[in-house]
Protein backbone atom coordinates (compact mmCIF):
# COMPACT_ATOMS: atom_id res chain seq x y z
CA MET A 1 -30.45 -29.31 -40.48
CA ALA A 2 -27.02 -27.76 -40.95
CA LEU A 3 -27.46 -25.69 -37.79
CA ALA A 4 -28.43 -28.78 -35.82
CA GLN A 5 -25.31 -30.57 -37.02
CA LEU A 6 -23.18 -27.60 -36.01
CA ALA A 7 -24.76 -27.57 -32.57
CA ARG A 8 -23.80 -31.23 -32.08
CA ASN A 9 -20.22 -30.66 -33.23
CA PRO A 10 -17.92 -30.55 -30.14
CA TRP A 11 -15.33 -28.47 -31.99
CA VAL A 12 -17.85 -25.70 -32.47
CA TRP A 13 -18.49 -25.61 -28.72
CA LEU A 14 -14.78 -25.70 -27.96
CA GLY A 15 -14.23 -22.80 -30.33
CA ALA A 16 -17.01 -20.79 -28.71
CA ILE A 17 -15.60 -21.43 -25.24
CA GLY A 18 -12.13 -20.48 -26.44
CA ALA A 19 -13.46 -17.25 -27.88
CA LEU A 20 -15.10 -16.34 -24.60
CA ILE A 21 -11.88 -17.04 -22.71
CA LEU A 22 -9.74 -14.99 -25.07
CA LEU A 23 -12.17 -12.11 -25.27
CA ARG A 24 -12.45 -11.87 -21.49
CA PRO A 25 -10.35 -8.90 -20.29
CA ARG A 26 -7.25 -9.87 -18.34
CA GLY A 27 -6.79 -7.50 -15.42
CA GLY A 28 -8.88 -4.73 -16.98
CA LEU A 29 -8.58 -1.22 -15.54
CA GLU A 30 -11.34 1.19 -14.63
CA ALA A 31 -10.50 4.23 -16.75
CA ASN A 32 -11.66 6.80 -14.18
CA ALA A 33 -10.33 5.01 -11.11
CA LYS A 34 -7.28 6.32 -9.30
CA PRO A 35 -4.30 4.00 -9.82
CA ALA A 36 -2.65 2.19 -6.94
CA PRO A 37 0.33 3.96 -5.33
CA THR A 38 3.74 3.28 -6.85
CA PRO A 39 5.51 0.54 -4.82
CA ARG A 40 8.07 2.22 -2.54
CA ASP A 41 9.75 -0.76 -0.93
CA GLY A 42 12.85 -2.42 -2.30
CA ALA A 43 14.91 0.76 -2.59
CA GLY A 44 18.56 0.50 -3.52
CA CYS A 45 21.25 1.62 -6.03
CA GLY A 46 19.59 5.00 -6.53
CA TYR A 47 16.02 3.87 -7.13
CA PRO A 48 13.61 5.36 -6.42
CA ARG A 49 15.14 8.81 -5.96
CA SER A 50 14.32 10.31 -2.58
CA ASP A 51 14.15 13.92 -3.82
CA LEU A 52 11.23 13.47 -6.22
CA PRO A 53 8.23 15.79 -5.81
CA PRO A 54 4.91 14.42 -4.54
CA ALA A 55 2.97 12.55 -7.18
CA VAL A 56 0.01 14.29 -8.82
CA ALA A 57 -3.31 12.45 -8.43
CA LYS A 58 -4.46 10.98 -11.72
CA THR A 59 -6.83 8.41 -13.19
CA ASN A 60 -5.85 5.20 -14.95
CA ALA A 61 -6.88 6.81 -18.24
CA GLU A 62 -4.53 9.73 -17.59
CA LEU A 63 -1.75 7.35 -16.62
CA ILE A 64 -2.16 5.38 -19.85
CA GLU A 65 -2.10 8.64 -21.82
CA ARG A 66 1.14 9.70 -20.13
CA THR A 67 2.69 6.30 -20.75
CA TRP A 68 1.66 6.50 -24.41
CA GLY A 69 3.38 9.88 -24.69
CA ILE A 70 6.59 8.52 -23.19
CA ILE A 71 6.62 5.53 -25.54
CA LEU A 72 6.35 7.84 -28.57
CA ALA A 73 8.98 10.20 -27.16
CA ASP A 74 11.35 7.28 -26.63
CA ASN A 75 10.75 5.81 -30.09
CA GLY A 76 8.86 7.92 -32.60
CA ARG A 77 8.83 5.06 -35.13
CA VAL A 78 7.39 2.46 -32.77
CA ASN A 79 3.97 2.22 -34.47
CA ASP A 80 5.47 1.76 -37.93
CA LEU A 81 8.01 -0.75 -36.64
CA ALA A 82 5.31 -2.75 -34.86
CA GLN A 83 3.29 -3.03 -38.06
CA SER A 84 6.38 -4.01 -40.05
CA TYR A 85 6.93 -6.84 -37.55
CA GLY A 86 3.39 -8.12 -38.08
CA TYR A 87 1.46 -6.50 -35.21
CA GLU A 88 -2.15 -6.45 -36.40
CA ALA A 89 -3.87 -3.17 -35.52
CA PRO A 90 -4.98 0.06 -37.20
CA PRO A 91 -2.14 2.49 -37.97
CA GLY A 92 -0.99 4.31 -34.85
CA GLN A 93 -2.72 1.93 -32.43
CA TYR A 94 0.23 -0.14 -31.19
CA ALA A 95 1.71 2.45 -28.81
CA ARG A 96 -1.68 2.88 -27.13
CA ASP A 97 -2.05 -0.88 -26.78
CA LEU A 98 1.40 -1.12 -25.23
CA ALA A 99 0.70 1.77 -22.84
CA ALA A 100 -2.47 0.08 -21.60
CA ALA A 101 -0.65 -3.26 -21.27
CA LEU A 102 2.19 -1.70 -19.27
CA VAL A 103 -0.12 0.18 -16.89
CA GLY A 104 -2.29 -2.88 -16.35
CA ALA A 105 0.66 -5.23 -15.83
CA ALA A 106 2.44 -2.86 -13.44
CA GLN A 107 -0.63 -2.59 -11.22
CA SER A 108 -1.46 -6.29 -11.42
CA ALA A 109 2.08 -7.46 -10.60
CA GLY A 110 2.92 -4.70 -8.10
CA VAL A 111 5.81 -3.34 -10.17
CA PRO A 112 6.55 0.42 -10.39
CA LEU A 113 5.27 1.65 -13.74
CA ASP A 114 8.23 3.94 -14.34
CA LEU A 115 10.56 0.96 -13.90
CA LEU A 116 8.56 -1.27 -16.23
CA VAL A 117 8.39 1.38 -18.96
CA ALA A 118 12.14 1.96 -18.67
CA GLN A 119 12.75 -1.78 -18.90
CA SER A 120 10.60 -2.00 -22.04
CA ARG A 121 12.71 0.77 -23.54
CA ARG A 122 15.97 -0.99 -22.64
CA GLU A 123 14.88 -4.46 -23.74
CA SER A 124 13.31 -3.62 -27.11
CA ASN A 125 12.88 0.14 -27.52
CA HIS A 126 9.19 -0.71 -26.95
CA VAL A 127 8.91 -2.84 -30.12
CA PRO A 128 7.04 -6.18 -30.20
CA THR A 129 9.39 -8.74 -31.67
CA VAL A 130 11.04 -12.11 -31.24
CA VAL A 131 14.81 -11.86 -30.82
CA THR A 132 17.01 -14.84 -31.66
CA ASN A 133 20.01 -16.03 -29.67
CA THR A 134 22.17 -14.01 -32.10
CA TYR A 135 20.17 -10.83 -31.32
CA LEU A 136 18.32 -10.76 -34.63
CA SER A 137 14.78 -9.35 -34.53
CA ILE A 138 12.49 -11.59 -36.58
CA GLY A 139 9.04 -10.12 -35.93
CA TRP A 140 5.70 -10.79 -34.23
CA GLU A 141 4.02 -12.98 -36.83
CA ASP A 142 2.98 -16.59 -36.28
CA ALA A 143 6.16 -17.95 -37.87
CA ALA A 144 8.32 -15.89 -35.52
CA ILE A 145 6.37 -17.01 -32.45
CA ARG A 146 6.63 -20.63 -33.59
CA ARG A 147 10.42 -20.33 -33.88
CA ALA A 148 10.61 -18.59 -30.51
CA VAL A 149 8.77 -21.43 -28.80
CA ALA A 150 10.91 -24.07 -30.52
CA ASN A 151 14.19 -22.35 -29.64
CA ASN A 152 13.30 -20.58 -26.36
CA TRP A 153 13.95 -17.17 -27.88
CA ALA A 154 12.86 -13.96 -26.15
CA ILE A 155 9.42 -12.59 -26.98
CA GLY A 156 7.84 -9.13 -26.83
CA PRO A 157 8.69 -5.67 -25.50
CA LEU A 158 10.10 -7.08 -22.24
CA GLN A 159 11.92 -9.94 -24.02
CA VAL A 160 10.48 -12.84 -22.03
CA LYS A 161 11.54 -16.44 -22.73
CA PRO A 162 8.62 -18.81 -23.55
CA GLY A 163 9.40 -20.98 -20.53
CA VAL A 164 8.78 -18.05 -18.19
CA PHE A 165 5.10 -17.71 -19.14
CA PRO A 166 3.89 -20.89 -17.36
CA GLU A 167 6.38 -20.22 -14.55
CA VAL A 168 4.44 -17.06 -13.69
CA GLY A 169 0.99 -18.55 -14.25
CA LEU A 170 0.29 -17.60 -17.88
CA PRO A 171 -0.39 -19.77 -20.94
CA SER A 172 2.65 -20.72 -23.01
CA PRO A 173 3.00 -18.72 -26.25
CA SER A 174 2.45 -22.04 -28.03
CA ARG A 175 -1.22 -21.50 -27.13
CA TRP A 176 -1.22 -18.34 -29.24
CA LEU A 177 -1.01 -20.59 -32.30
CA GLY A 178 -2.66 -23.78 -31.10
CA ASP A 179 -5.93 -22.69 -29.49
CA PRO A 180 -9.15 -23.15 -31.53
CA VAL A 181 -9.51 -19.38 -31.74
CA ARG A 182 -6.34 -17.58 -32.82
CA TRP A 183 -5.03 -15.09 -30.27
CA SER A 184 -5.10 -11.47 -31.42
CA SER A 185 -1.96 -9.33 -31.45
CA GLN A 186 -3.42 -7.36 -28.54
CA ALA A 187 -3.99 -10.50 -26.44
CA ARG A 188 -0.46 -11.71 -27.16
CA LEU A 189 0.94 -8.31 -26.21
CA ARG A 190 -0.97 -8.21 -22.91
CA ASP A 191 0.31 -11.62 -21.86
CA ALA A 192 3.88 -10.91 -23.00
CA VAL A 193 4.01 -7.71 -20.94
CA LEU A 194 2.29 -9.30 -17.94
CA ALA A 195 4.73 -12.23 -18.04
CA GLY A 196 7.66 -9.82 -17.86
CA ALA A 197 6.11 -7.82 -15.02
CA ARG A 198 5.34 -10.94 -12.99
CA TYR A 199 8.82 -12.33 -13.56
CA LEU A 200 10.42 -9.06 -12.42
CA ALA A 201 8.20 -9.03 -9.32
CA LYS A 202 9.22 -12.63 -8.62
CA GLN A 203 12.90 -11.69 -8.66
CA LYS A 204 12.24 -8.72 -6.40
CA SER A 205 10.46 -10.98 -3.92
CA ARG A 206 13.43 -13.34 -4.04
CA TYR A 207 16.27 -10.81 -3.82
CA GLY A 208 14.76 -7.84 -1.98
CA THR A 209 15.35 -4.76 -4.15
CA TRP A 210 14.26 -3.67 -7.59
CA CYS A 211 17.88 -3.25 -8.63
CA ALA A 212 18.70 -6.82 -7.65
CA ALA A 213 15.54 -7.94 -9.44
CA LEU A 214 16.68 -6.25 -12.66
CA HIS A 215 20.07 -7.97 -12.46
CA ALA A 216 18.41 -11.37 -11.94
CA TYR A 217 15.88 -10.69 -14.71
CA THR A 218 18.54 -10.22 -17.37
CA VAL A 219 21.36 -12.56 -16.28
CA GLY A 220 19.05 -15.21 -14.83
CA PRO A 221 18.40 -15.94 -11.15
CA THR A 222 20.92 -18.79 -10.94
CA ALA A 223 23.66 -16.71 -12.55
CA TYR A 224 22.79 -13.78 -10.29
CA ALA A 225 23.01 -15.99 -7.20
CA ASN A 226 26.44 -17.10 -8.43
CA GLY A 227 27.67 -13.51 -8.70
CA ALA A 228 26.83 -12.44 -12.26
CA ARG A 229 25.76 -8.83 -12.68
CA ALA A 230 24.60 -6.54 -15.52
CA ASP A 231 25.59 -3.11 -14.22
CA GLY A 232 25.13 -1.22 -17.48
CA TYR A 233 21.68 -2.70 -18.04
CA VAL A 234 20.49 -1.87 -14.52
CA SER A 235 21.99 1.61 -14.30
CA GLN A 236 20.42 2.62 -17.63
CA ILE A 237 16.96 1.41 -16.59
CA ILE A 238 17.24 3.15 -13.21
CA ALA A 239 18.30 6.42 -14.85
CA TRP A 240 15.37 6.35 -17.26
CA ALA A 241 12.88 5.29 -14.57
CA ASN A 242 13.93 8.12 -12.28
CA GLY A 243 13.31 10.51 -15.17
CA TYR A 244 9.73 9.31 -15.74
CA THR A 245 8.39 11.31 -12.80
CA GLU A 246 4.98 11.75 -14.44
CA LEU A 247 4.37 8.01 -14.05
CA ARG A 248 4.62 7.99 -10.25
CA THR A 249 1.35 7.62 -8.39
């Protein structure tokens, strides 16, 4: 009798559908497949360097492993910091989750992986957190996400504003808290990274080079069109990206 009542309950069916949607991989990678070539168009301001050696053939699994190594080299405390901010995963897992999210987002959005990893380093030192308008990191827990949505504060390793998510075709972070099935930390991370990658690709499509795209990403496209620039931000990302030669495909 109880099972029959459950079967007639529309909220049960909505929850089941929500679970299927959230559990469905978003842009999953074939581990043994060869990754797509690094985008070469949009050169400018020293990126990409023209004197780099030919890329070594590798699989997606190898590329994720290399990205994971770079994340840990950039920030050896990243796993502990992620857990302290409320990222829910076994100890040591966060950096691997971020590596997979970065590789998947770069290929899906058509953004050079070395550039995206360097941007993650510059924006957050690879840590998942909400940052307030006074540059205070307040974490990755539900309360932090709720405040980010209410105040349009930047979210995640690439520091994406909540309003950008629907702009690039992704659910608003408000869904992370409001859907019948709660979004996992891993699902939130994947969407936060993909939102940043898509937004960067959008600026590149608009302004022509990856350097211009980085300027527009951080100062805002309207401010960039009106002459605002972030030279220190862009030059640092370019320098790091050009040093991540093992991420070129």
